[in-house]
Amino acid sequence: METDSKNQIKRLDELKKGQTGIISKLSPDIRTTIRLWSMGIKSGSQIEVMQTFPSYIIRIKDFYDFAVGRDISTSMLIYNIQKPKSS
């Protein structure tokens, strides 16, 4: 995969299906952060966007798939974003 030419920190809701990256920051809301931690979603985790509608489905470390709502996807920050593999 190629690095996004504008490799910067983006919100999860700005990523497209197939893009990968690393979680930089979760949510400013501590309850949401604790909920994400309990599911194994932590800063530093490698993610891949599997679906963007109706909710975001992210794959953590090529193994676990999680659905997150729009509210969480707008507060989760991702860096080291890679373009999707071309078929």
PDB file of N, CA and C in Angstrom:
ATOM      1  N   MET A   1       0.833  -1.193   0.000  1.00  0.00           N
ATOM      2  CA  MET A   1       0.000   0.000   0.000  1.00  0.00           C
ATOM      3  C   MET A   1       0.869   1.245   0.000  1.00  0.00           C
ATOM      4  N   GLU A   2       0.376   2.267  -0.644  1.00  0.00           N
ATOM      5  CA  GLU A   2       1.086   3.535  -0.683  1.00  0.00           C
ATOM      6  C   GLU A   2       0.623   4.432   0.451  1.00  0.00           C
ATOM      7  N   THR A   3       1.563   5.237   0.948  1.00  0.00           N
ATOM      8  CA  THR A   3       1.205   6.231   1.949  1.00  0.00           C
ATOM      9  C   THR A   3       0.399   7.336   1.289  1.00  0.00           C
ATOM     10  N   ASP A   4      -0.624   7.803   1.979  1.00  0.00           N
ATOM     11  CA  ASP A   4      -1.418   8.923   1.477  1.00  0.00           C
ATOM     12  C   ASP A   4      -0.483  10.110   1.275  1.00  0.00           C
ATOM     13  N   SER A   5      -0.590  10.777   0.127  1.00  0.00           N
ATOM     14  CA  SER A   5       0.310  11.887  -0.178  1.00  0.00           C
ATOM     15  C   SER A   5       0.162  13.034   0.818  1.00  0.00           C
ATOM     16  N   LYS A   6      -0.976  13.140   1.428  1.00  0.00           N
ATOM     17  CA  LYS A   6      -1.188  14.151   2.462  1.00  0.00           C
ATOM     18  C   LYS A   6      -1.207  13.449   3.817  1.00  0.00           C
ATOM     19  N   ASN A   7      -0.187  12.636   4.069  1.00  0.00           N
ATOM     20  CA  ASN A   7      -0.151  11.836   5.291  1.00  0.00           C
ATOM     21  C   ASN A   7      -0.183  12.741   6.510  1.00  0.00           C
ATOM     22  N   GLN A   8      -1.347  12.842   7.070  1.00  0.00           N
ATOM     23  CA  GLN A   8      -1.568  13.689   8.226  1.00  0.00           C
ATOM     24  C   GLN A   8      -2.534  12.970   9.142  1.00  0.00           C
ATOM     25  N   ILE A   9      -2.797  13.560  10.265  1.00  0.00           N
ATOM     26  CA  ILE A   9      -3.786  12.988  11.179  1.00  0.00           C
ATOM     27  C   ILE A   9      -5.168  13.363  10.665  1.00  0.00           C
ATOM     28  N   LYS A  10      -6.037  12.349  10.559  1.00  0.00           N
ATOM     29  CA  LYS A  10      -7.408  12.559  10.103  1.00  0.00           C
ATOM     30  C   LYS A  10      -8.362  11.881  11.074  1.00  0.00           C
ATOM     31  N   ARG A  11      -9.611  12.340  11.047  1.00  0.00           N
ATOM     32  CA  ARG A  11     -10.649  11.664  11.822  1.00  0.00           C
ATOM     33  C   ARG A  11     -11.012  10.374  11.095  1.00  0.00           C
ATOM     34  N   LEU A  12     -11.451   9.388  11.844  1.00  0.00           N
ATOM     35  CA  LEU A  12     -11.858   8.121  11.242  1.00  0.00           C
ATOM     36  C   LEU A  12     -12.926   8.333  10.175  1.00  0.00           C
ATOM     37  N   ASP A  13     -13.843   9.251  10.402  1.00  0.00           N
ATOM     38  CA  ASP A  13     -14.920   9.459   9.425  1.00  0.00           C
ATOM     39  C   ASP A  13     -14.436  10.080   8.118  1.00  0.00           C
ATOM     40  N   GLU A  14     -13.171  10.480   8.035  1.00  0.00           N
ATOM     41  CA  GLU A  14     -12.604  11.020   6.793  1.00  0.00           C
ATOM     42  C   GLU A  14     -11.925   9.939   5.948  1.00  0.00           C
ATOM     43  N   LEU A  15     -11.770   8.738   6.503  1.00  0.00           N
ATOM     44  CA  LEU A  15     -11.114   7.653   5.777  1.00  0.00           C
ATOM     45  C   LEU A  15     -12.115   6.936   4.881  1.00  0.00           C
ATOM     46  N   LYS A  16     -11.599   6.316   3.834  1.00  0.00           N
ATOM     47  CA  LYS A  16     -12.412   5.558   2.894  1.00  0.00           C
ATOM     48  C   LYS A  16     -12.221   4.061   3.148  1.00  0.00           C
ATOM     49  N   LYS A  17     -13.156   3.292   2.636  1.00  0.00           N
ATOM     50  CA  LYS A  17     -13.076   1.840   2.745  1.00  0.00           C
ATOM     51  C   LYS A  17     -11.737   1.361   2.185  1.00  0.00           C
ATOM     52  N   GLY A  18     -11.071   0.493   2.920  1.00  0.00           N
ATOM     53  CA  GLY A  18      -9.791  -0.067   2.487  1.00  0.00           C
ATOM     54  C   GLY A  18      -8.577   0.665   3.018  1.00  0.00           C
ATOM     55  N   GLN A  19      -8.742   1.904   3.476  1.00  0.00           N
ATOM     56  CA  GLN A  19      -7.591   2.630   4.014  1.00  0.00           C
ATOM     57  C   GLN A  19      -7.206   2.055   5.374  1.00  0.00           C
ATOM     58  N   THR A  20      -5.921   2.135   5.662  1.00  0.00           N
ATOM     59  CA  THR A  20      -5.412   1.669   6.947  1.00  0.00           C
ATOM     60  C   THR A  20      -4.697   2.817   7.643  1.00  0.00           C
ATOM     61  N   GLY A  21      -4.488   2.661   8.925  1.00  0.00           N
ATOM     62  CA  GLY A  21      -3.768   3.660   9.705  1.00  0.00           C
ATOM     63  C   GLY A  21      -3.607   3.189  11.137  1.00  0.00           C
ATOM     64  N   ILE A  22      -3.098   4.074  11.951  1.00  0.00           N
ATOM     65  CA  ILE A  22      -2.850   3.776  13.364  1.00  0.00           C
ATOM     66  C   ILE A  22      -3.647   4.775  14.195  1.00  0.00           C
ATOM     67  N   ILE A  23      -4.304   4.270  15.221  1.00  0.00           N
ATOM     68  CA  ILE A  23      -5.099   5.150  16.075  1.00  0.00           C
ATOM     69  C   ILE A  23      -4.171   6.044  16.879  1.00  0.00           C
ATOM     70  N   SER A  24      -4.373   7.344  16.756  1.00  0.00           N
ATOM     71  CA  SER A  24      -3.586   8.333  17.488  1.00  0.00           C
ATOM     72  C   SER A  24      -4.275   8.710  18.790  1.00  0.00           C
ATOM     73  N   LYS A  25      -5.575   8.969  18.706  1.00  0.00           N
ATOM     74  CA  LYS A  25      -6.333   9.417  19.867  1.00  0.00           C
ATOM     75  C   LYS A  25      -7.745   8.879  19.753  1.00  0.00           C
ATOM     76  N   LEU A  26      -8.316   8.493  20.884  1.00  0.00           N
ATOM     77  CA  LEU A  26      -9.675   7.977  20.870  1.00  0.00           C
ATOM     78  C   LEU A  26     -10.668   9.114  20.999  1.00  0.00           C
ATOM     79  N   SER A  27     -11.336   9.214  22.104  1.00  0.00           N
ATOM     80  CA  SER A  27     -12.397  10.206  22.273  1.00  0.00           C
ATOM     81  C   SER A  27     -12.082  11.099  23.468  1.00  0.00           C
ATOM     82  N   PRO A  28     -12.482  12.369  23.417  1.00  0.00           N
ATOM     83  CA  PRO A  28     -12.287  13.218  24.594  1.00  0.00           C
ATOM     84  C   PRO A  28     -13.218  12.836  25.746  1.00  0.00           C
ATOM     85  N   ASP A  29     -14.257  12.063  25.440  1.00  0.00           N
ATOM     86  CA  ASP A  29     -15.198  11.615  26.462  1.00  0.00           C
ATOM     87  C   ASP A  29     -14.654  10.362  27.145  1.00  0.00           C
ATOM     88  N   ILE A  30     -14.411  10.428  28.438  1.00  0.00           N
ATOM     89  CA  ILE A  30     -13.791   9.315  29.164  1.00  0.00           C
ATOM     90  C   ILE A  30     -14.653   8.059  29.139  1.00  0.00           C
ATOM     91  N   ARG A  31     -15.960   8.199  29.176  1.00  0.00           N
ATOM     92  CA  ARG A  31     -16.836   7.008  29.125  1.00  0.00           C
ATOM     93  C   ARG A  31     -16.675   6.272  27.801  1.00  0.00           C
ATOM     94  N   THR A  32     -16.626   7.030  26.724  1.00  0.00           N
ATOM     95  CA  THR A  32     -16.436   6.418  25.403  1.00  0.00           C
ATOM     96  C   THR A  32     -15.063   5.768  25.312  1.00  0.00           C
ATOM     97  N   THR A  33     -14.046   6.449  25.805  1.00  0.00           N
ATOM     98  CA  THR A  33     -12.689   5.891  25.785  1.00  0.00           C
ATOM     99  C   THR A  33     -12.618   4.587  26.559  1.00  0.00           C
ATOM    100  N   ILE A  34     -13.210   4.534  27.732  1.00  0.00           N
ATOM    101  CA  ILE A  34     -13.204   3.300  28.540  1.00  0.00           C
ATOM    102  C   ILE A  34     -13.948   2.187  27.810  1.00  0.00           C
ATOM    103  N   ARG A  35     -15.066   2.523  27.179  1.00  0.00           N
ATOM    104  CA  ARG A  35     -15.820   1.526  26.418  1.00  0.00           C
ATOM    105  C   ARG A  35     -14.974   0.967  25.273  1.00  0.00           C
ATOM    106  N   LEU A  36     -14.265   1.851  24.555  1.00  0.00           N
ATOM    107  CA  LEU A  36     -13.403   1.400  23.468  1.00  0.00           C
ATOM    108  C   LEU A  36     -12.247   0.544  23.994  1.00  0.00           C
ATOM    109  N   TRP A  37     -11.646   0.954  25.110  1.00  0.00           N
ATOM    110  CA  TRP A  37     -10.565   0.157  25.711  1.00  0.00           C
ATOM    111  C   TRP A  37     -11.050  -1.249  26.048  1.00  0.00           C
ATOM    112  N   SER A  38     -12.265  -1.338  26.588  1.00  0.00           N
ATOM    113  CA  SER A  38     -12.789  -2.651  26.989  1.00  0.00           C
ATOM    114  C   SER A  38     -13.004  -3.569  25.786  1.00  0.00           C
ATOM    115  N   MET A  39     -13.150  -2.992  24.595  1.00  0.00           N
ATOM    116  CA  MET A  39     -13.300  -3.794  23.373  1.00  0.00           C
ATOM    117  C   MET A  39     -11.950  -4.060  22.710  1.00  0.00           C
ATOM    118  N   GLY A  40     -10.873  -3.537  23.289  1.00  0.00           N
ATOM    119  CA  GLY A  40      -9.545  -3.752  22.716  1.00  0.00           C
ATOM    120  C   GLY A  40      -9.122  -2.699  21.718  1.00  0.00           C
ATOM    121  N   ILE A  41      -9.876  -1.598  21.628  1.00  0.00           N
ATOM    122  CA  ILE A  41      -9.531  -0.508  20.720  1.00  0.00           C
ATOM    123  C   ILE A  41      -8.738   0.515  21.512  1.00  0.00           C
ATOM    124  N   LYS A  42      -7.442   0.645  21.184  1.00  0.00           N
ATOM    125  CA  LYS A  42      -6.542   1.511  21.956  1.00  0.00           C
ATOM    126  C   LYS A  42      -5.689   2.357  21.022  1.00  0.00           C
ATOM    127  N   SER A  43      -5.171   3.450  21.548  1.00  0.00           N
ATOM    128  CA  SER A  43      -4.203   4.255  20.790  1.00  0.00           C
ATOM    129  C   SER A  43      -3.024   3.364  20.428  1.00  0.00           C
ATOM    130  N   GLY A  44      -2.538   3.521  19.210  1.00  0.00           N
ATOM    131  CA  GLY A  44      -1.420   2.707  18.739  1.00  0.00           C
ATOM    132  C   GLY A  44      -1.842   1.464  17.984  1.00  0.00           C
ATOM    133  N   SER A  45      -3.142   1.135  18.003  1.00  0.00           N
ATOM    134  CA  SER A  45      -3.625  -0.043  17.287  1.00  0.00           C
ATOM    135  C   SER A  45      -3.705   0.232  15.790  1.00  0.00           C
ATOM    136  N   GLN A  46      -3.282  -0.740  14.990  1.00  0.00           N
ATOM    137  CA  GLN A  46      -3.397  -0.667  13.529  1.00  0.00           C
ATOM    138  C   GLN A  46      -4.834  -0.995  13.160  1.00  0.00           C
ATOM    139  N   ILE A  47      -5.426  -0.173  12.287  1.00  0.00           N
ATOM    140  CA  ILE A  47      -6.806  -0.412  11.856  1.00  0.00           C
ATOM    141  C   ILE A  47      -6.906  -0.446  10.342  1.00  0.00           C
ATOM    142  N   GLU A  48      -7.957  -1.086   9.859  1.00  0.00           N
ATOM    143  CA  GLU A  48      -8.334  -1.028   8.452  1.00  0.00           C
ATOM    144  C   GLU A  48      -9.818  -0.737   8.401  1.00  0.00           C
ATOM    145  N   VAL A  49     -10.222   0.198   7.544  1.00  0.00           N
ATOM    146  CA  VAL A  49     -11.635   0.535   7.397  1.00  0.00           C
ATOM    147  C   VAL A  49     -12.266  -0.502   6.464  1.00  0.00           C
ATOM    148  N   MET A  50     -13.240  -1.244   6.983  1.00  0.00           N
ATOM    149  CA  MET A  50     -13.904  -2.292   6.213  1.00  0.00           C
ATOM    150  C   MET A  50     -15.201  -1.797   5.589  1.00  0.00           C
ATOM    151  N   GLN A  51     -15.858  -0.825   6.258  1.00  0.00           N
ATOM    152  CA  GLN A  51     -17.147  -0.306   5.802  1.00  0.00           C
ATOM    153  C   GLN A  51     -17.305   1.098   6.360  1.00  0.00           C
ATOM    154  N   THR A  52     -18.005   1.970   5.611  1.00  0.00           N
ATOM    155  CA  THR A  52     -18.217   3.341   6.079  1.00  0.00           C
ATOM    156  C   THR A  52     -19.685   3.710   6.230  1.00  0.00           C
ATOM    157  N   PHE A  53     -20.596   2.851   5.777  1.00  0.00           N
ATOM    158  CA  PHE A  53     -22.013   3.161   5.879  1.00  0.00           C
ATOM    159  C   PHE A  53     -22.793   1.882   6.090  1.00  0.00           C
ATOM    160  N   PRO A  54     -23.776   1.857   6.948  1.00  0.00           N
ATOM    161  CA  PRO A  54     -24.346   2.928   7.747  1.00  0.00           C
ATOM    162  C   PRO A  54     -23.516   3.275   8.988  1.00  0.00           C
ATOM    163  N   SER A  55     -22.697   2.345   9.435  1.00  0.00           N
ATOM    164  CA  SER A  55     -21.768   2.678  10.516  1.00  0.00           C
ATOM    165  C   SER A  55     -20.371   2.259  10.056  1.00  0.00           C
ATOM    166  N   TYR A  56     -19.370   2.719  10.759  1.00  0.00           N
ATOM    167  CA  TYR A  56     -17.995   2.356  10.418  1.00  0.00           C
ATOM    168  C   TYR A  56     -17.676   0.995  10.999  1.00  0.00           C
ATOM    169  N   ILE A  57     -17.118   0.128  10.169  1.00  0.00           N
ATOM    170  CA  ILE A  57     -16.606  -1.152  10.647  1.00  0.00           C
ATOM    171  C   ILE A  57     -15.102  -1.074  10.469  1.00  0.00           C
ATOM    172  N   ILE A  58     -14.392  -1.235  11.573  1.00  0.00           N
ATOM    173  CA  ILE A  58     -12.927  -1.206  11.514  1.00  0.00           C
ATOM    174  C   ILE A  58     -12.381  -2.555  11.941  1.00  0.00           C
ATOM    175  N   ARG A  59     -11.303  -2.944  11.299  1.00  0.00           N
ATOM    176  CA  ARG A  59     -10.619  -4.191  11.655  1.00  0.00           C
ATOM    177  C   ARG A  59      -9.356  -3.810  12.410  1.00  0.00           C
ATOM    178  N   ILE A  60      -9.195  -4.417  13.578  1.00  0.00           N
ATOM    179  CA  ILE A  60      -8.024  -4.179  14.417  1.00  0.00           C
ATOM    180  C   ILE A  60      -7.052  -5.341  14.240  1.00  0.00           C
ATOM    181  N   LYS A  61      -5.810  -5.022  13.882  1.00  0.00           N
ATOM    182  CA  LYS A  61      -4.723  -6.008  13.777  1.00  0.00           C
ATOM    183  C   LYS A  61      -5.098  -7.219  12.924  1.00  0.00           C
ATOM    184  N   ASP A  62      -5.785  -6.994  11.795  1.00  0.00           N
ATOM    185  CA  ASP A  62      -6.147  -8.062  10.862  1.00  0.00           C
ATOM    186  C   ASP A  62      -6.967  -9.183  11.493  1.00  0.00           C
ATOM    187  N   PHE A  63      -7.659  -8.901  12.593  1.00  0.00           N
ATOM    188  CA  PHE A  63      -8.354  -9.993  13.254  1.00  0.00           C
ATOM    189  C   PHE A  63      -9.755  -9.632  13.727  1.00  0.00           C
ATOM    190  N   TYR A  64      -9.882  -8.606  14.554  1.00  0.00           N
ATOM    191  CA  TYR A  64     -11.166  -8.264  15.151  1.00  0.00           C
ATOM    192  C   TYR A  64     -11.857  -7.163  14.360  1.00  0.00           C
ATOM    193  N   ASP A  65     -13.149  -7.349  14.090  1.00  0.00           N
ATOM    194  CA  ASP A  65     -13.945  -6.315  13.443  1.00  0.00           C
ATOM    195  C   ASP A  65     -14.873  -5.684  14.469  1.00  0.00           C
ATOM    196  N   PHE A  66     -14.940  -4.343  14.461  1.00  0.00           N
ATOM    197  CA  PHE A  66     -15.801  -3.606  15.380  1.00  0.00           C
ATOM    198  C   PHE A  66     -16.616  -2.596  14.600  1.00  0.00           C
ATOM    199  N   ALA A  67     -17.866  -2.413  15.025  1.00  0.00           N
ATOM    200  CA  ALA A  67     -18.706  -1.358  14.455  1.00  0.00           C
ATOM    201  C   ALA A  67     -18.665  -0.178  15.409  1.00  0.00           C
ATOM    202  N   VAL A  68     -18.450   1.008  14.869  1.00  0.00           N
ATOM    203  CA  VAL A  68     -18.492   2.225  15.681  1.00  0.00           C
ATOM    204  C   VAL A  68     -19.426   3.218  15.002  1.00  0.00           C
ATOM    205  N   GLY A  69     -20.180   3.931  15.806  1.00  0.00           N
ATOM    206  CA  GLY A  69     -21.131   4.906  15.282  1.00  0.00           C
ATOM    207  C   GLY A  69     -20.454   6.172  14.800  1.00  0.00           C
ATOM    208  N   ARG A  70     -21.240   7.006  14.150  1.00  0.00           N
ATOM    209  CA  ARG A  70     -20.728   8.275  13.618  1.00  0.00           C
ATOM    210  C   ARG A  70     -20.148   9.156  14.726  1.00  0.00           C
ATOM    211  N   ASP A  71     -20.780   9.150  15.910  1.00  0.00           N
ATOM    212  CA  ASP A  71     -20.277   9.990  17.004  1.00  0.00           C
ATOM    213  C   ASP A  71     -18.858   9.620  17.386  1.00  0.00           C
ATOM    214  N   ILE A  72     -18.555   8.341  17.428  1.00  0.00           N
ATOM    215  CA  ILE A  72     -17.200   7.894  17.763  1.00  0.00           C
ATOM    216  C   ILE A  72     -16.259   8.129  16.584  1.00  0.00           C
ATOM    217  N   SER A  73     -16.739   7.902  15.363  1.00  0.00           N
ATOM    218  CA  SER A  73     -15.857   8.052  14.196  1.00  0.00           C
ATOM    219  C   SER A  73     -15.386   9.488  13.994  1.00  0.00           C
ATOM    220  N   THR A  74     -16.136  10.459  14.505  1.00  0.00           N
ATOM    221  CA  THR A  74     -15.710  11.852  14.360  1.00  0.00           C
ATOM    222  C   THR A  74     -14.704  12.265  15.435  1.00  0.00           C
ATOM    223  N   SER A  75     -14.576  11.464  16.497  1.00  0.00           N
ATOM    224  CA  SER A  75     -13.649  11.837  17.563  1.00  0.00           C
ATOM    225  C   SER A  75     -12.394  10.964  17.600  1.00  0.00           C
ATOM    226  N   MET A  76     -12.344   9.914  16.785  1.00  0.00           N
ATOM    227  CA  MET A  76     -11.181   9.028  16.749  1.00  0.00           C
ATOM    228  C   MET A  76     -10.198   9.541  15.700  1.00  0.00           C
ATOM    229  N   LEU A  77      -8.947   9.809  16.106  1.00  0.00           N
ATOM    230  CA  LEU A  77      -7.932  10.343  15.192  1.00  0.00           C
ATOM    231  C   LEU A  77      -6.994   9.240  14.731  1.00  0.00           C
ATOM    232  N   ILE A  78      -6.663   9.270  13.420  1.00  0.00           N
ATOM    233  CA  ILE A  78      -5.853   8.227  12.791  1.00  0.00           C
ATOM    234  C   ILE A  78      -4.654   8.880  12.094  1.00  0.00           C
ATOM    235  N   TYR A  79      -3.474   8.236  12.190  1.00  0.00           N
ATOM    236  CA  TYR A  79      -2.296   8.724  11.467  1.00  0.00           C
ATOM    237  C   TYR A  79      -1.656   7.575  10.693  1.00  0.00           C
ATOM    238  N   ASN A  80      -0.598   7.873   9.951  1.00  0.00           N
ATOM    239  CA  ASN A  80       0.103   6.900   9.103  1.00  0.00           C
ATOM    240  C   ASN A  80      -0.886   6.210   8.165  1.00  0.00           C
ATOM    241  N   ILE A  81      -1.707   7.027   7.511  1.00  0.00           N
ATOM    242  CA  ILE A  81      -2.786   6.530   6.669  1.00  0.00           C
ATOM    243  C   ILE A  81      -2.231   6.016   5.350  1.00  0.00           C
ATOM    244  N   GLN A  82      -2.675   4.824   4.982  1.00  0.00           N
ATOM    245  CA  GLN A  82      -2.246   4.176   3.739  1.00  0.00           C
ATOM    246  C   GLN A  82      -3.428   4.099   2.796  1.00  0.00           C
ATOM    247  N   LYS A  83      -3.145   4.249   1.503  1.00  0.00           N
ATOM    248  CA  LYS A  83      -4.186   4.100   0.481  1.00  0.00           C
ATOM    249  C   LYS A  83      -4.604   2.641   0.397  1.00  0.00           C
ATOM    250  N   PRO A  84      -5.850   2.384  -0.032  1.00  0.00           N
ATOM    251  CA  PRO A  84      -6.294   1.001  -0.206  1.00  0.00           C
ATOM    252  C   PRO A  84      -5.463   0.295  -1.269  1.00  0.00           C
ATOM    253  N   LYS A  85      -5.383  -1.038  -1.149  1.00  0.00           N
ATOM    254  CA  LYS A  85      -4.719  -1.831  -2.176  1.00  0.00           C
ATOM    255  C   LYS A  85      -5.511  -1.737  -3.465  1.00  0.00           C
ATOM    256  N   SER A  86      -4.821  -1.616  -4.585  1.00  0.00           N
ATOM    257  CA  SER A  86      -5.525  -1.601  -5.870  1.00  0.00           C
ATOM    258  C   SER A  86      -5.721  -3.045  -6.330  1.00  0.00           C
ATOM    259  N   SER A  87      -6.883  -3.308  -6.877  1.00  0.00           N
ATOM    260  CA  SER A  87      -7.210  -4.687  -7.297  1.00  0.00           C
ATOM    261  C   SER A  87      -6.705  -4.987  -8.674  1.00  0.00           C
TER     262      SER A  87
END
